[in-house]
């Protein structure tokens, strides 16, 4: 799982979050990919906002991935909208990393 988070894991910063989305629901199959939402600090450099970091990280792994990258400001600004992507991710996703530390990872 750590490989999946690619270049973000060492430079995400103190207000970064990574959510595992589809696998968190428990309906993933061996053919399923990982869906990750990465929430970066507002002042994150442009190269950290590149979803290509995730795609590079999954090269050669058994499962591929899809990556959404948002700033904390944009993520938080939509949380009050129940049907928004951030609200859905917060409600249905699994938090892997927050505020500088990894949460317990699924096996």
Protein backbone atom coordinates (compact mmCIF):
# COMPACT_ATOMS: atom_id res chain seq x y z
CA UNK A 1 0.00 0.00 0.00
CA UNK A 2 2.83 2.39 0.76
CA UNK A 3 4.21 1.99 -2.77
CA UNK A 4 0.84 3.01 -4.09
CA UNK A 5 1.11 6.44 -2.50
CA UNK A 6 4.23 7.08 -4.53
CA UNK A 7 6.01 10.39 -4.35
CA UNK A 8 3.40 11.85 -2.02
CA UNK A 9 4.31 9.79 1.04
CA UNK A 10 7.53 11.65 1.80
CA UNK A 11 6.43 15.14 0.87
CA UNK A 12 2.73 15.41 1.56
CA UNK A 13 3.23 17.85 4.41
CA UNK A 14 1.51 18.29 7.74
CA UNK A 15 -1.98 18.93 6.39
CA UNK A 16 -2.05 16.20 3.78
CA UNK A 17 -4.55 13.36 3.66
CA UNK A 18 -4.81 10.22 1.58
CA UNK A 19 -8.14 8.40 1.30
CA UNK A 20 -8.63 4.93 -0.09
CA UNK A 21 -12.01 5.07 -1.76
CA UNK A 22 -13.40 2.01 -3.55
CA UNK A 23 -11.49 -0.70 -1.69
CA UNK A 24 -12.77 0.77 1.59
CA UNK A 25 -16.29 -0.38 0.76
CA UNK A 26 -15.11 -3.98 0.81
CA UNK A 27 -16.39 -4.86 -2.65
CA UNK A 28 -13.02 -4.92 -4.43
CA UNK A 29 -12.07 -7.97 -6.46
CA UNK A 30 -8.57 -9.03 -7.57
CA UNK A 31 -9.26 -7.15 -10.81
CA UNK A 32 -10.22 -3.92 -9.02
CA UNK A 33 -7.93 -0.94 -9.04
CA UNK A 34 -7.16 1.38 -6.15
CA UNK A 35 -8.88 4.75 -6.08
CA UNK A 36 -7.03 7.31 -4.01
CA UNK A 37 -7.87 10.88 -3.19
CA UNK A 38 -4.85 12.88 -2.12
CA UNK A 39 -5.56 16.13 -0.28
CA UNK A 40 -2.48 18.33 -0.25
CA UNK A 41 -1.65 21.47 1.69
CA UNK A 42 -2.83 24.63 -0.06
CA UNK A 43 0.74 25.73 -0.69
CA UNK A 44 1.91 22.40 -2.11
CA UNK A 45 4.26 22.84 -5.09
CA UNK A 46 2.75 22.20 -8.51
CA UNK A 47 4.83 19.06 -9.07
CA UNK A 48 3.26 17.46 -5.94
CA UNK A 49 -0.22 18.01 -7.42
CA UNK A 50 0.55 15.80 -10.41
CA UNK A 51 -1.50 12.57 -10.39
CA UNK A 52 1.33 11.10 -12.45
CA UNK A 53 3.18 10.47 -9.17
CA UNK A 54 0.60 7.83 -8.34
CA UNK A 55 0.59 6.29 -11.79
CA UNK A 56 4.37 5.97 -11.65
CA UNK A 57 4.09 4.30 -8.25
CA UNK A 58 1.73 1.57 -9.50
CA UNK A 59 3.84 0.52 -12.46
CA UNK A 60 4.58 -3.16 -12.03
CA UNK A 61 2.12 -3.72 -9.18
CA UNK A 62 -0.64 -6.31 -9.46
CA UNK A 63 -3.35 -3.64 -9.16
CA UNK A 64 -3.45 -0.33 -10.93
CA UNK A 65 -4.76 2.90 -9.46
CA UNK A 66 -6.66 6.08 -10.14
CA UNK A 67 -5.64 9.24 -8.35
CA UNK A 68 -7.46 12.46 -7.58
CA UNK A 69 -5.43 15.34 -6.18
CA UNK A 70 -7.10 18.24 -4.37
CA UNK A 71 -5.86 21.05 -2.18
CA UNK A 72 -7.10 21.17 1.39
CA UNK A 73 -8.96 24.44 0.70
CA UNK A 74 -10.86 22.99 -2.25
CA UNK A 75 -11.62 19.75 -0.40
CA UNK A 76 -12.88 21.52 2.72
CA UNK A 77 -14.94 24.05 0.74
CA UNK A 78 -17.16 21.26 -0.62
CA UNK A 79 -17.61 19.16 2.52
CA UNK A 80 -20.91 20.85 3.40
CA UNK A 81 -22.44 19.58 0.14
CA UNK A 82 -23.61 16.03 0.92
CA UNK A 83 -23.43 14.93 -2.71
CA UNK A 84 -19.98 16.36 -3.37
CA UNK A 85 -17.00 14.14 -4.04
CA UNK A 86 -15.15 15.25 -0.87
CA UNK A 87 -18.22 14.58 1.31
CA UNK A 88 -18.67 11.14 -0.26
CA UNK A 89 -15.00 10.30 0.17
CA UNK A 90 -15.08 11.38 3.80
CA UNK A 91 -18.23 9.35 4.42
CA UNK A 92 -17.34 6.17 2.48
CA UNK A 93 -13.56 6.24 2.23
CA UNK A 94 -10.84 4.95 4.47
CA UNK A 95 -8.29 7.40 5.81
CA UNK A 96 -4.76 6.11 5.27
CA UNK A 97 -2.66 9.15 6.13
CA UNK A 98 -3.37 12.38 7.96
CA UNK A 99 -1.48 15.20 9.59
CA UNK A 100 1.94 13.72 9.05
CA UNK A 101 1.31 10.09 10.05
CA UNK A 102 0.03 6.90 8.48
CA UNK A 103 -3.21 5.41 9.73
CA UNK A 104 -3.44 1.65 10.06
CA UNK A 105 -3.28 0.25 6.57
CA UNK A 106 -5.52 -2.47 5.19
CA UNK A 107 -3.74 -5.71 4.30
